[in-house]
Every structure is written in C-alpha cells, then in structure tokens.
C-alpha cells in the first residue's frame, strides 16, 4: 500500500514538472513572436526553452525506470549548446548588414568590435 502512494506522488511530481516545462516552452514561443528586437527574441528562444526542456526531462527521469542517465546527459548537452548557440547567433547578427538590431540602451559592444577591427 505504501509503494502505490509513493508511486502516485512521484507520478504527480513528474506530471507537474512536465506541465511547467511545457508552459515555459509555450511562453518562449509567445516571446519570440511578441518581442520587437532581435536580442529580446534570442533571449526568449534560448533561456526559457532550456529550462523548459530541463523540467520536461526531469519529469521523464522521475517517471521512467530506465534511461535516466541518457536523459541527464541530454539535459547537460542542452544546457551547454543552447546558450552558446544563442550567443553566436547574436554576435553574427550584430555584424550582419541586413539585420536591423535596434537597441533600447547603450551599445557596449560597439567599442569592443571597433578595437578588434583590422586596420
């Protein structure tokens, strides 16, 4: 009787983690559509889905009996690659001529790029 109560509690925690992760993924999609400038959109499509995928994977790791190591490895790889890819996309977009990147604040990267430009 105790094992079934524990299993149902773990299933509930797994379900809540998966629902929270799906909500973050949905909010990231809304942010990508609603935000106006490039960098806000990159932030929305890199940060929230990374955490959302981690929560969905955590729910899967709790719910499944086998394959937890593979799930945790996938989460680690997502945590490494998603922010790095967003950073590289942002830097490439900054240097592109066809991409409009309106900033609401100061452009701190302009001085760094100007110092590194070849003569």
PDB file of N, CA and C in Angstrom:
ATOM      1  N   UNK A   1       0.809  -1.187   0.000  1.00  0.00           N
ATOM      2  CA  UNK A   1       0.000   0.000   0.000  1.00  0.00           C
ATOM      3  C   UNK A   1       0.862   1.265   0.000  1.00  0.00           C
ATOM      4  N   UNK A   2       1.976   1.243   0.704  1.00  0.00           N
ATOM      5  CA  UNK A   2       2.847   2.404   0.774  1.00  0.00           C
ATOM      6  C   UNK A   2       3.534   2.651  -0.576  1.00  0.00           C
ATOM      7  N   UNK A   3       3.896   1.578  -1.259  1.00  0.00           N
ATOM      8  CA  UNK A   3       4.567   1.731  -2.547  1.00  0.00           C
ATOM      9  C   UNK A   3       3.664   2.419  -3.559  1.00  0.00           C
ATOM     10  N   UNK A   4       2.387   2.121  -3.568  1.00  0.00           N
ATOM     11  CA  UNK A   4       1.477   2.753  -4.524  1.00  0.00           C
ATOM     12  C   UNK A   4       1.289   4.238  -4.203  1.00  0.00           C
ATOM     13  N   UNK A   5       1.309   4.612  -2.919  1.00  0.00           N
ATOM     14  CA  UNK A   5       1.213   6.019  -2.547  1.00  0.00           C
ATOM     15  C   UNK A   5       2.463   6.766  -2.990  1.00  0.00           C
ATOM     16  N   UNK A   6       3.616   6.157  -2.816  1.00  0.00           N
ATOM     17  CA  UNK A   6       4.864   6.769  -3.252  1.00  0.00           C
ATOM     18  C   UNK A   6       4.911   6.894  -4.770  1.00  0.00           C
ATOM     19  N   UNK A   7       4.459   5.851  -5.464  1.00  0.00           N
ATOM     20  CA  UNK A   7       4.444   5.902  -6.925  1.00  0.00           C
ATOM     21  C   UNK A   7       3.511   6.985  -7.430  1.00  0.00           C
ATOM     22  N   UNK A   8       2.363   7.127  -6.824  1.00  0.00           N
ATOM     23  CA  UNK A   8       1.430   8.158  -7.281  1.00  0.00           C
ATOM     24  C   UNK A   8       1.957   9.557  -6.975  1.00  0.00           C
ATOM     25  N   UNK A   9       2.673   9.719  -5.866  1.00  0.00           N
ATOM     26  CA  UNK A   9       3.268  11.014  -5.558  1.00  0.00           C
ATOM     27  C   UNK A   9       4.373  11.353  -6.558  1.00  0.00           C
ATOM     28  N   UNK A  10       5.195  10.358  -6.903  1.00  0.00           N
ATOM     29  CA  UNK A  10       6.238  10.592  -7.904  1.00  0.00           C
ATOM     30  C   UNK A  10       5.642  10.887  -9.273  1.00  0.00           C
ATOM     31  N   UNK A  11       4.557  10.209  -9.619  1.00  0.00           N
ATOM     32  CA  UNK A  11       3.878  10.491 -10.880  1.00  0.00           C
ATOM     33  C   UNK A  11       3.318  11.912 -10.899  1.00  0.00           C
ATOM     34  N   UNK A  12       2.808  12.373  -9.774  1.00  0.00           N
ATOM     35  CA  UNK A  12       2.278  13.737  -9.694  1.00  0.00           C
ATOM     36  C   UNK A  12       3.398  14.760  -9.841  1.00  0.00           C
ATOM     37  N   UNK A  13       4.536  14.527  -9.192  1.00  0.00           N
ATOM     38  CA  UNK A  13       5.679  15.440  -9.306  1.00  0.00           C
ATOM     39  C   UNK A  13       6.191  15.451 -10.746  1.00  0.00           C
ATOM     40  N   UNK A  14       6.274  14.281 -11.352  1.00  0.00           N
ATOM     41  CA  UNK A  14       6.722  14.199 -12.742  1.00  0.00           C
ATOM     42  C   UNK A  14       5.767  14.939 -13.668  1.00  0.00           C
ATOM     43  N   UNK A  15       4.479  14.763 -13.445  1.00  0.00           N
ATOM     44  CA  UNK A  15       3.493  15.456 -14.266  1.00  0.00           C
ATOM     45  C   UNK A  15       3.558  16.960 -14.117  1.00  0.00           C
ATOM     46  N   UNK A  16       3.720  17.433 -12.887  1.00  0.00           N
ATOM     47  CA  UNK A  16       3.827  18.872 -12.655  1.00  0.00           C
ATOM     48  C   UNK A  16       5.082  19.448 -13.299  1.00  0.00           C
ATOM     49  N   UNK A  17       6.196  18.719 -13.222  1.00  0.00           N
ATOM     50  CA  UNK A  17       7.428  19.190 -13.859  1.00  0.00           C
ATOM     51  C   UNK A  17       7.254  19.267 -15.372  1.00  0.00           C
ATOM     52  N   UNK A  18       6.597  18.290 -15.949  1.00  0.00           N
ATOM     53  CA  UNK A  18       6.382  18.292 -17.396  1.00  0.00           C
ATOM     54  C   UNK A  18       5.440  19.409 -17.824  1.00  0.00           C
ATOM     55  N   UNK A  19       4.403  19.656 -17.042  1.00  0.00           N
ATOM     56  CA  UNK A  19       3.479  20.747 -17.364  1.00  0.00           C
ATOM     57  C   UNK A  19       4.174  22.098 -17.243  1.00  0.00           C
ATOM     58  N   UNK A  20       4.982  22.276 -16.199  1.00  0.00           N
ATOM     59  CA  UNK A  20       5.723  23.531 -16.041  1.00  0.00           C
ATOM     60  C   UNK A  20       6.710  23.721 -17.194  1.00  0.00           C
ATOM     61  N   UNK A  21       7.375  22.656 -17.606  1.00  0.00           N
ATOM     62  CA  UNK A  21       8.299  22.746 -18.738  1.00  0.00           C
ATOM     63  C   UNK A  21       7.589  23.081 -20.029  1.00  0.00           C
ATOM     64  N   UNK A  22       6.431  22.483 -20.246  1.00  0.00           N
ATOM     65  CA  UNK A  22       5.654  22.787 -21.447  1.00  0.00           C
ATOM     66  C   UNK A  22       5.166  24.233 -21.432  1.00  0.00           C
ATOM     67  N   UNK A  23       4.812  24.735 -20.254  1.00  0.00           N
ATOM     68  CA  UNK A  23       4.384  26.130 -20.150  1.00  0.00           C
ATOM     69  C   UNK A  23       5.530  27.077 -20.488  1.00  0.00           C
ATOM     70  N   UNK A  24       6.734  26.755 -20.023  1.00  0.00           N
ATOM     71  CA  UNK A  24       7.891  27.587 -20.366  1.00  0.00           C
ATOM     72  C   UNK A  24       8.181  27.547 -21.863  1.00  0.00           C
ATOM     73  N   UNK A  25       8.056  26.386 -22.467  1.00  0.00           N
ATOM     74  CA  UNK A  25       8.262  26.281 -23.908  1.00  0.00           C
ATOM     75  C   UNK A  25       7.226  27.127 -24.662  1.00  0.00           C
ATOM     76  N   UNK A  26       5.979  27.086 -24.209  1.00  0.00           N
ATOM     77  CA  UNK A  26       4.920  27.893 -24.824  1.00  0.00           C
ATOM     78  C   UNK A  26       5.215  29.383 -24.666  1.00  0.00           C
ATOM     79  N   UNK A  27       5.621  29.799 -23.477  1.00  0.00           N
ATOM     80  CA  UNK A  27       5.935  31.207 -23.243  1.00  0.00           C
ATOM     81  C   UNK A  27       7.122  31.667 -24.086  1.00  0.00           C
ATOM     82  N   UNK A  28       8.060  30.786 -24.332  1.00  0.00           N
ATOM     83  CA  UNK A  28       9.180  31.136 -25.202  1.00  0.00           C
ATOM     84  C   UNK A  28       8.696  31.398 -26.625  1.00  0.00           C
ATOM     85  N   UNK A  29       7.761  30.587 -27.089  1.00  0.00           N
ATOM     86  CA  UNK A  29       7.191  30.819 -28.414  1.00  0.00           C
ATOM     87  C   UNK A  29       6.433  32.132 -28.485  1.00  0.00           C
ATOM     88  N   UNK A  30       5.685  32.444 -27.443  1.00  0.00           N
ATOM     89  CA  UNK A  30       4.975  33.716 -27.396  1.00  0.00           C
ATOM     90  C   UNK A  30       5.971  34.877 -27.374  1.00  0.00           C
ATOM     91  N   UNK A  31       7.030  34.737 -26.611  1.00  0.00           N
ATOM     92  CA  UNK A  31       8.050  35.781 -26.551  1.00  0.00           C
ATOM     93  C   UNK A  31       8.742  35.995 -27.883  1.00  0.00           C
ATOM     94  N   UNK A  32       8.974  34.928 -28.613  1.00  0.00           N
ATOM     95  CA  UNK A  32       9.621  35.054 -29.925  1.00  0.00           C
ATOM     96  C   UNK A  32       8.733  35.805 -30.906  1.00  0.00           C
ATOM     97  N   UNK A  33       7.434  35.684 -30.742  1.00  0.00           N
ATOM     98  CA  UNK A  33       6.509  36.380 -31.635  1.00  0.00           C
ATOM     99  C   UNK A  33       6.275  37.816 -31.168  1.00  0.00           C
ATOM    100  N   UNK A  34       6.184  38.022 -29.868  1.00  0.00           N
ATOM    101  CA  UNK A  34       5.791  39.332 -29.342  1.00  0.00           C
ATOM    102  C   UNK A  34       6.928  40.336 -29.211  1.00  0.00           C
ATOM    103  N   UNK A  35       8.140  39.877 -28.916  1.00  0.00           N
ATOM    104  CA  UNK A  35       9.234  40.827 -28.720  1.00  0.00           C
ATOM    105  C   UNK A  35       9.615  41.478 -30.035  1.00  0.00           C
ATOM    106  N   UNK A  36      10.059  42.740 -29.945  1.00  0.00           N
ATOM    107  CA  UNK A  36      10.309  43.500 -31.164  1.00  0.00           C
ATOM    108  C   UNK A  36      11.740  43.393 -31.658  1.00  0.00           C
ATOM    109  N   UNK A  37      12.704  43.465 -30.778  1.00  0.00           N
ATOM    110  CA  UNK A  37      14.076  43.495 -31.273  1.00  0.00           C
ATOM    111  C   UNK A  37      14.716  42.110 -31.250  1.00  0.00           C
ATOM    112  N   UNK A  38      15.784  41.995 -32.011  1.00  0.00           N
ATOM    113  CA  UNK A  38      16.449  40.716 -32.234  1.00  0.00           C
ATOM    114  C   UNK A  38      16.967  40.102 -30.941  1.00  0.00           C
ATOM    115  N   UNK A  39      17.575  40.902 -30.096  1.00  0.00           N
ATOM    116  CA  UNK A  39      18.214  40.364 -28.897  1.00  0.00           C
ATOM    117  C   UNK A  39      17.188  39.893 -27.861  1.00  0.00           C
ATOM    118  N   UNK A  40      16.068  40.554 -27.779  1.00  0.00           N
ATOM    119  CA  UNK A  40      14.999  40.076 -26.888  1.00  0.00           C
ATOM    120  C   UNK A  40      14.450  38.754 -27.380  1.00  0.00           C
ATOM    121  N   UNK A  41      14.315  38.624 -28.684  1.00  0.00           N
ATOM    122  CA  UNK A  41      13.825  37.363 -29.244  1.00  0.00           C
ATOM    123  C   UNK A  41      14.824  36.233 -29.006  1.00  0.00           C
ATOM    124  N   UNK A  42      16.105  36.520 -29.185  1.00  0.00           N
ATOM    125  CA  UNK A  42      17.124  35.498 -28.931  1.00  0.00           C
ATOM    126  C   UNK A  42      17.080  35.075 -27.470  1.00  0.00           C
ATOM    127  N   UNK A  43      16.917  36.040 -26.585  1.00  0.00           N
ATOM    128  CA  UNK A  43      16.839  35.723 -25.157  1.00  0.00           C
ATOM    129  C   UNK A  43      15.637  34.823 -24.874  1.00  0.00           C
ATOM    130  N   UNK A  44      14.498  35.150 -25.489  1.00  0.00           N
ATOM    131  CA  UNK A  44      13.283  34.364 -25.253  1.00  0.00           C
ATOM    132  C   UNK A  44      13.409  32.947 -25.783  1.00  0.00           C
ATOM    133  N   UNK A  45      14.058  32.777 -26.937  1.00  0.00           N
ATOM    134  CA  UNK A  45      14.118  31.439 -27.523  1.00  0.00           C
ATOM    135  C   UNK A  45      15.317  30.634 -27.046  1.00  0.00           C
ATOM    136  N   UNK A  46      16.138  31.209 -26.177  1.00  0.00           N
ATOM    137  CA  UNK A  46      17.274  30.451 -25.648  1.00  0.00           C
ATOM    138  C   UNK A  46      17.112  30.100 -24.178  1.00  0.00           C
ATOM    139  N   UNK A  47      16.634  31.021 -23.386  1.00  0.00           N
ATOM    140  CA  UNK A  47      16.606  30.804 -21.934  1.00  0.00           C
ATOM    141  C   UNK A  47      15.424  29.948 -21.486  1.00  0.00           C
ATOM    142  N   UNK A  48      14.219  30.350 -21.851  1.00  0.00           N
ATOM    143  CA  UNK A  48      13.030  29.626 -21.378  1.00  0.00           C
ATOM    144  C   UNK A  48      12.953  28.200 -21.907  1.00  0.00           C
ATOM    145  N   UNK A  49      13.247  27.945 -23.190  1.00  0.00           N
ATOM    146  CA  UNK A  49      13.189  26.548 -23.636  1.00  0.00           C
ATOM    147  C   UNK A  49      14.246  25.658 -22.982  1.00  0.00           C
ATOM    148  N   UNK A  50      15.385  26.237 -22.624  1.00  0.00           N
ATOM    149  CA  UNK A  50      16.410  25.441 -21.958  1.00  0.00           C
ATOM    150  C   UNK A  50      15.901  24.950 -20.607  1.00  0.00           C
ATOM    151  N   UNK A  51      15.321  25.844 -19.833  1.00  0.00           N
ATOM    152  CA  UNK A  51      14.761  25.445 -18.544  1.00  0.00           C
ATOM    153  C   UNK A  51      13.532  24.561 -18.740  1.00  0.00           C
ATOM    154  N   UNK A  52      12.720  24.867 -19.745  1.00  0.00           N
ATOM    155  CA  UNK A  52      11.545  24.044 -20.019  1.00  0.00           C
ATOM    156  C   UNK A  52      11.912  22.623 -20.387  1.00  0.00           C
ATOM    157  N   UNK A  53      12.934  22.480 -21.220  1.00  0.00           N
ATOM    158  CA  UNK A  53      13.386  21.144 -21.601  1.00  0.00           C
ATOM    159  C   UNK A  53      13.964  20.407 -20.397  1.00  0.00           C
ATOM    160  N   UNK A  54      14.641  21.135 -19.517  1.00  0.00           N
ATOM    161  CA  UNK A  54      15.176  20.508 -18.309  1.00  0.00           C
ATOM    162  C   UNK A  54      14.044  20.004 -17.417  1.00  0.00           C
ATOM    163  N   UNK A  55      12.973  20.779 -17.281  1.00  0.00           N
ATOM    164  CA  UNK A  55      11.849  20.339 -16.460  1.00  0.00           C
ATOM    165  C   UNK A  55      11.126  19.150 -17.084  1.00  0.00           C
ATOM    166  N   UNK A  56      10.944  19.183 -18.396  1.00  0.00           N
ATOM    167  CA  UNK A  56      10.311  18.046 -19.067  1.00  0.00           C
ATOM    168  C   UNK A  56      11.176  16.802 -18.916  1.00  0.00           C
ATOM    169  N   UNK A  57      12.474  16.948 -19.059  1.00  0.00           N
ATOM    170  CA  UNK A  57      13.383  15.808 -18.902  1.00  0.00           C
ATOM    171  C   UNK A  57      13.413  15.312 -17.465  1.00  0.00           C
ATOM    172  N   UNK A  58      13.357  16.225 -16.511  1.00  0.00           N
ATOM    173  CA  UNK A  58      13.301  15.833 -15.103  1.00  0.00           C
ATOM    174  C   UNK A  58      12.044  15.018 -14.828  1.00  0.00           C
ATOM    175  N   UNK A  59      10.931  15.461 -15.377  1.00  0.00           N
ATOM    176  CA  UNK A  59       9.694  14.690 -15.230  1.00  0.00           C
ATOM    177  C   UNK A  59       9.809  13.317 -15.858  1.00  0.00           C
ATOM    178  N   UNK A  60      10.454  13.246 -17.020  1.00  0.00           N
ATOM    179  CA  UNK A  60      10.664  11.951 -17.664  1.00  0.00           C
ATOM    180  C   UNK A  60      11.583  11.054 -16.861  1.00  0.00           C
ATOM    181  N   UNK A  61      12.623  11.634 -16.277  1.00  0.00           N
ATOM    182  CA  UNK A  61      13.549  10.845 -15.469  1.00  0.00           C
ATOM    183  C   UNK A  61      12.869  10.313 -14.211  1.00  0.00           C
ATOM    184  N   UNK A  62      11.957  11.092 -13.649  1.00  0.00           N
ATOM    185  CA  UNK A  62      11.232  10.630 -12.473  1.00  0.00           C
ATOM    186  C   UNK A  62      10.246   9.526 -12.854  1.00  0.00           C
ATOM    187  N   UNK A  63       9.577   9.700 -13.987  1.00  0.00           N
ATOM    188  CA  UNK A  63       8.524   8.763 -14.377  1.00  0.00           C
ATOM    189  C   UNK A  63       9.067   7.443 -14.914  1.00  0.00           C
ATOM    190  N   UNK A  64      10.223   7.467 -15.556  1.00  0.00           N
ATOM    191  CA  UNK A  64      10.760   6.257 -16.171  1.00  0.00           C
ATOM    192  C   UNK A  64      11.657   5.506 -15.199  1.00  0.00           C
ATOM    193  N   UNK A  65      11.706   4.213 -15.375  1.00  0.00           N
ATOM    194  CA  UNK A  65      12.576   3.399 -14.527  1.00  0.00           C
ATOM    195  C   UNK A  65      13.971   3.245 -15.116  1.00  0.00           C
ATOM    196  N   UNK A  66      14.067   3.254 -16.441  1.00  0.00           N
ATOM    197  CA  UNK A  66      15.356   3.069 -17.103  1.00  0.00           C
ATOM    198  C   UNK A  66      15.661   4.259 -17.988  1.00  0.00           C
ATOM    199  N   UNK A  67      16.933   4.474 -18.249  1.00  0.00           N
ATOM    200  CA  UNK A  67      17.335   5.527 -19.162  1.00  0.00           C
ATOM    201  C   UNK A  67      17.539   6.880 -18.520  1.00  0.00           C
ATOM    202  N   UNK A  68      17.627   6.929 -17.200  1.00  0.00           N
ATOM    203  CA  UNK A  68      17.809   8.221 -16.527  1.00  0.00           C
ATOM    204  C   UNK A  68      19.140   8.858 -16.858  1.00  0.00           C
ATOM    205  N   UNK A  69      20.162   8.051 -17.009  1.00  0.00           N
ATOM    206  CA  UNK A  69      21.485   8.582 -17.346  1.00  0.00           C
ATOM    207  C   UNK A  69      21.486   9.254 -18.704  1.00  0.00           C
ATOM    208  N   UNK A  70      20.798   8.666 -19.672  1.00  0.00           N
ATOM    209  CA  UNK A  70      20.723   9.256 -21.001  1.00  0.00           C
ATOM    210  C   UNK A  70      19.952  10.569 -20.975  1.00  0.00           C
ATOM    211  N   UNK A  71      18.902  10.609 -20.186  1.00  0.00           N
ATOM    212  CA  UNK A  71      18.123  11.837 -20.076  1.00  0.00           C
ATOM    213  C   UNK A  71      18.964  12.948 -19.455  1.00  0.00           C
ATOM    214  N   UNK A  72      19.686  12.631 -18.406  1.00  0.00           N
ATOM    215  CA  UNK A  72      20.526  13.643 -17.749  1.00  0.00           C
ATOM    216  C   UNK A  72      21.662  14.098 -18.651  1.00  0.00           C
ATOM    217  N   UNK A  73      22.206  13.196 -19.452  1.00  0.00           N
ATOM    218  CA  UNK A  73      23.234  13.579 -20.422  1.00  0.00           C
ATOM    219  C   UNK A  73      22.660  14.526 -21.463  1.00  0.00           C
ATOM    220  N   UNK A  74      21.456  14.250 -21.929  1.00  0.00           N
ATOM    221  CA  UNK A  74      20.808  15.126 -22.906  1.00  0.00           C
ATOM    222  C   UNK A  74      20.559  16.515 -22.315  1.00  0.00           C
ATOM    223  N   UNK A  75      20.134  16.568 -21.061  1.00  0.00           N
ATOM    224  CA  UNK A  75      19.913  17.861 -20.402  1.00  0.00           C
ATOM    225  C   UNK A  75      21.225  18.632 -20.283  1.00  0.00           C
ATOM    226  N   UNK A  76      22.300  17.954 -19.925  1.00  0.00           N
ATOM    227  CA  UNK A  76      23.606  18.613 -19.821  1.00  0.00           C
ATOM    228  C   UNK A  76      24.036  19.176 -21.171  1.00  0.00           C
ATOM    229  N   UNK A  77      23.834  18.424 -22.228  1.00  0.00           N
ATOM    230  CA  UNK A  77      24.204  18.908 -23.561  1.00  0.00           C
ATOM    231  C   UNK A  77      23.346  20.094 -23.981  1.00  0.00           C
ATOM    232  N   UNK A  78      22.069  20.076 -23.642  1.00  0.00           N
ATOM    233  CA  UNK A  78      21.198  21.207 -23.974  1.00  0.00           C
ATOM    234  C   UNK A  78      21.626  22.451 -23.199  1.00  0.00           C
ATOM    235  N   UNK A  79      21.992  22.283 -21.932  1.00  0.00           N
ATOM    236  CA  UNK A  79      22.434  23.426 -21.139  1.00  0.00           C
ATOM    237  C   UNK A  79      23.741  24.019 -21.664  1.00  0.00           C
ATOM    238  N   UNK A  80      24.545  23.227 -22.333  1.00  0.00           N
ATOM    239  CA  UNK A  80      25.790  23.741 -22.907  1.00  0.00           C
ATOM    240  C   UNK A  80      25.539  24.372 -24.271  1.00  0.00           C
ATOM    241  N   UNK A  81      24.783  23.711 -25.120  1.00  0.00           N
ATOM    242  CA  UNK A  81      24.673  24.148 -26.505  1.00  0.00           C
ATOM    243  C   UNK A  81      23.675  25.278 -26.732  1.00  0.00           C
ATOM    244  N   UNK A  82      22.553  25.303 -26.053  1.00  0.00           N
ATOM    245  CA  UNK A  82      21.532  26.316 -26.326  1.00  0.00           C
ATOM    246  C   UNK A  82      22.009  27.745 -26.019  1.00  0.00           C
ATOM    247  N   UNK A  83      22.563  28.030 -24.852  1.00  0.00           N
ATOM    248  CA  UNK A  83      23.055  29.395 -24.618  1.00  0.00           C
ATOM    249  C   UNK A  83      24.243  29.755 -25.516  1.00  0.00           C
ATOM    250  N   UNK A  84      25.090  28.791 -25.805  1.00  0.00           N
ATOM    251  CA  UNK A  84      26.233  29.064 -26.684  1.00  0.00           C
ATOM    252  C   UNK A  84      25.768  29.398 -28.093  1.00  0.00           C
ATOM    253  N   UNK A  85      24.804  28.649 -28.589  1.00  0.00           N
ATOM    254  CA  UNK A  85      24.265  28.921 -29.928  1.00  0.00           C
ATOM    255  C   UNK A  85      23.597  30.285 -29.978  1.00  0.00           C
ATOM    256  N   UNK A  86      22.849  30.639 -28.943  1.00  0.00           N
ATOM    257  CA  UNK A  86      22.202  31.952 -28.907  1.00  0.00           C
ATOM    258  C   UNK A  86      23.234  33.071 -28.894  1.00  0.00           C
ATOM    259  N   UNK A  87      24.321  32.874 -28.167  1.00  0.00           N
ATOM    260  CA  UNK A  87      25.385  33.869 -28.130  1.00  0.00           C
ATOM    261  C   UNK A  87      26.011  34.045 -29.514  1.00  0.00           C
ATOM    262  N   UNK A  88      26.313  32.950 -30.182  1.00  0.00           N
ATOM    263  CA  UNK A  88      26.929  33.037 -31.501  1.00  0.00           C
ATOM    264  C   UNK A  88      25.980  33.645 -32.530  1.00  0.00           C
ATOM    265  N   UNK A  89      24.704  33.341 -32.434  1.00  0.00           N
ATOM    266  CA  UNK A  89      23.725  33.937 -33.349  1.00  0.00           C
ATOM    267  C   UNK A  89      23.638  35.444 -33.117  1.00  0.00           C
ATOM    268  N   UNK A  90      23.639  35.851 -31.863  1.00  0.00           N
ATOM    269  CA  UNK A  90      23.603  37.278 -31.551  1.00  0.00           C
ATOM    270  C   UNK A  90      24.826  38.019 -32.049  1.00  0.00           C
ATOM    271  N   UNK A  91      26.000  37.420 -31.877  1.00  0.00           N
ATOM    272  CA  UNK A  91      27.221  38.068 -32.371  1.00  0.00           C
ATOM    273  C   UNK A  91      27.251  38.126 -33.893  1.00  0.00           C
ATOM    274  N   UNK A  92      26.772  37.070 -34.564  1.00  0.00           N
ATOM    275  CA  UNK A  92      26.730  37.075 -36.023  1.00  0.00           C
ATOM    276  C   UNK A  92      25.721  38.108 -36.528  1.00  0.00           C
ATOM    277  N   UNK A  93      24.601  38.232 -35.852  1.00  0.00           N
ATOM    278  CA  UNK A  93      23.591  39.207 -36.261  1.00  0.00           C
ATOM    279  C   UNK A  93      24.083  40.627 -36.046  1.00  0.00           C
ATOM    280  N   UNK A  94      24.895  40.838 -35.020  1.00  0.00           N
ATOM    281  CA  UNK A  94      25.431  42.172 -34.758  1.00  0.00           C
ATOM    282  C   UNK A  94      26.321  42.634 -35.905  1.00  0.00           C
ATOM    283  N   UNK A  95      27.080  41.722 -36.461  1.00  0.00           N
ATOM    284  CA  UNK A  95      27.978  42.096 -37.552  1.00  0.00           C
ATOM    285  C   UNK A  95      27.339  42.075 -38.925  1.00  0.00           C
ATOM    286  N   UNK A  96      26.130  41.563 -39.040  1.00  0.00           N
ATOM    287  CA  UNK A  96      25.461  41.465 -40.343  1.00  0.00           C
ATOM    288  C   UNK A  96      24.916  42.828 -40.767  1.00  0.00           C
ATOM    289  N   UNK A  97      24.975  43.100 -42.052  1.00  0.00           N
ATOM    290  CA  UNK A  97      24.488  44.377 -42.566  1.00  0.00           C
ATOM    291  C   UNK A  97      22.978  44.377 -42.772  1.00  0.00           C
ATOM    292  N   UNK A  98      22.396  43.235 -43.076  1.00  0.00           N
ATOM    293  CA  UNK A  98      20.978  43.167 -43.416  1.00  0.00           C
ATOM    294  C   UNK A  98      20.063  43.033 -42.213  1.00  0.00           C
ATOM    295  N   UNK A  99      20.615  42.855 -41.031  1.00  0.00           N
ATOM    296  CA  UNK A  99      19.804  42.629 -39.831  1.00  0.00           C
ATOM    297  C   UNK A  99      19.688  43.935 -39.059  1.00  0.00           C
ATOM    298  N   UNK A 100      18.442  44.333 -38.805  1.00  0.00           N
ATOM    299  CA  UNK A 100      18.216  45.537 -38.006  1.00  0.00           C
ATOM    300  C   UNK A 100      18.253  45.161 -36.534  1.00  0.00           C
ATOM    301  N   UNK A 101      19.140  45.758 -35.792  1.00  0.00           N
ATOM    302  CA  UNK A 101      19.230  45.471 -34.362  1.00  0.00           C
ATOM    303  C   UNK A 101      19.129  46.781 -33.582  1.00  0.00           C
ATOM    304  N   UNK A 102      17.902  47.187 -33.375  1.00  0.00           N
ATOM    305  CA  UNK A 102      17.616  48.386 -32.602  1.00  0.00           C
ATOM    306  C   UNK A 102      17.822  48.064 -31.119  1.00  0.00           C
ATOM    307  N   UNK A 103      18.528  48.927 -30.444  1.00  0.00           N
ATOM    308  CA  UNK A 103      18.785  48.730 -29.018  1.00  0.00           C
ATOM    309  C   UNK A 103      18.065  49.809 -28.219  1.00  0.00           C
ATOM    310  N   UNK A 104      17.554  49.453 -27.071  1.00  0.00           N
ATOM    311  CA  UNK A 104      16.896  50.419 -26.210  1.00  0.00           C
ATOM    312  C   UNK A 104      17.889  51.154 -25.311  1.00  0.00           C
ATOM    313  N   UNK A 105      19.063  50.591 -25.121  1.00  0.00           N
ATOM    314  CA  UNK A 105      20.072  51.200 -24.244  1.00  0.00           C
ATOM    315  C   UNK A 105      21.359  51.496 -24.990  1.00  0.00           C
ATOM    316  N   UNK A 106      22.445  51.589 -24.252  1.00  0.00           N
ATOM    317  CA  UNK A 106      23.756  51.864 -24.835  1.00  0.00           C
ATOM    318  C   UNK A 106      24.280  50.642 -25.578  1.00  0.00           C
ATOM    319  N   UNK A 107      25.070  50.899 -26.605  1.00  0.00           N
ATOM    320  CA  UNK A 107      25.686  49.830 -27.387  1.00  0.00           C
ATOM    321  C   UNK A 107      27.108  49.612 -26.869  1.00  0.00           C
ATOM    322  N   UNK A 108      27.261  48.738 -25.881  1.00  0.00           N
ATOM    323  CA  UNK A 108      28.563  48.485 -25.277  1.00  0.00           C
ATOM    324  C   UNK A 108      29.462  47.650 -26.172  1.00  0.00           C
ATOM    325  N   UNK A 109      28.879  46.899 -27.079  1.00  0.00           N
ATOM    326  CA  UNK A 109      29.675  46.029 -27.937  1.00  0.00           C
ATOM    327  C   UNK A 109      30.368  46.788 -29.058  1.00  0.00           C
ATOM    328  N   UNK A 110      29.904  47.972 -29.384  1.00  0.00           N
ATOM    329  CA  UNK A 110      30.491  48.743 -30.498  1.00  0.00           C
ATOM    330  C   UNK A 110      31.963  49.058 -30.238  1.00  0.00           C
ATOM    331  N   UNK A 111      32.305  49.400 -29.006  1.00  0.00           N
ATOM    332  CA  UNK A 111      33.700  49.704 -28.695  1.00  0.00           C
ATOM    333  C   UNK A 111      34.580  48.482 -28.791  1.00  0.00           C
ATOM    334  N   UNK A 112      34.073  47.330 -28.378  1.00  0.00           N
ATOM    335  CA  UNK A 112      34.832  46.080 -28.443  1.00  0.00           C
ATOM    336  C   UNK A 112      35.071  45.690 -29.891  1.00  0.00           C
ATOM    337  N   UNK A 113      34.042  45.805 -30.717  1.00  0.00           N
ATOM    338  CA  UNK A 113      34.165  45.438 -32.128  1.00  0.00           C
ATOM    339  C   UNK A 113      35.100  46.407 -32.847  1.00  0.00           C
ATOM    340  N   UNK A 114      35.036  47.689 -32.504  1.00  0.00           N
ATOM    341  CA  UNK A 114      35.894  48.681 -33.140  1.00  0.00           C
ATOM    342  C   UNK A 114      37.368  48.447 -32.783  1.00  0.00           C
ATOM    343  N   UNK A 115      37.647  47.996 -31.556  1.00  0.00           N
ATOM    344  CA  UNK A 115      39.027  47.721 -31.152  1.00  0.00           C
ATOM    345  C   UNK A 115      39.598  46.511 -31.864  1.00  0.00           C
ATOM    346  N   UNK A 116      38.760  45.566 -32.218  1.00  0.00           N
ATOM    347  CA  UNK A 116      39.222  44.329 -32.853  1.00  0.00           C
ATOM    348  C   UNK A 116      39.234  44.410 -34.380  1.00  0.00           C
ATOM    349  N   UNK A 117      38.727  45.492 -34.930  1.00  0.00           N
ATOM    350  CA  UNK A 117      38.662  45.606 -36.400  1.00  0.00           C
ATOM    351  C   UNK A 117      40.063  45.751 -36.969  1.00  0.00           C
ATOM    352  N   UNK A 118      40.333  45.033 -38.068  1.00  0.00           N
ATOM    353  CA  UNK A 118      41.654  45.146 -38.695  1.00  0.00           C
ATOM    354  C   UNK A 118      41.811  46.509 -39.356  1.00  0.00           C
ATOM    355  N   UNK A 119      43.016  46.983 -39.369  1.00  0.00           N
ATOM    356  CA  UNK A 119      43.286  48.306 -39.976  1.00  0.00           C
ATOM    357  C   UNK A 119      43.382  48.256 -41.458  1.00  0.00           C
TER     358      UNK A 119
END
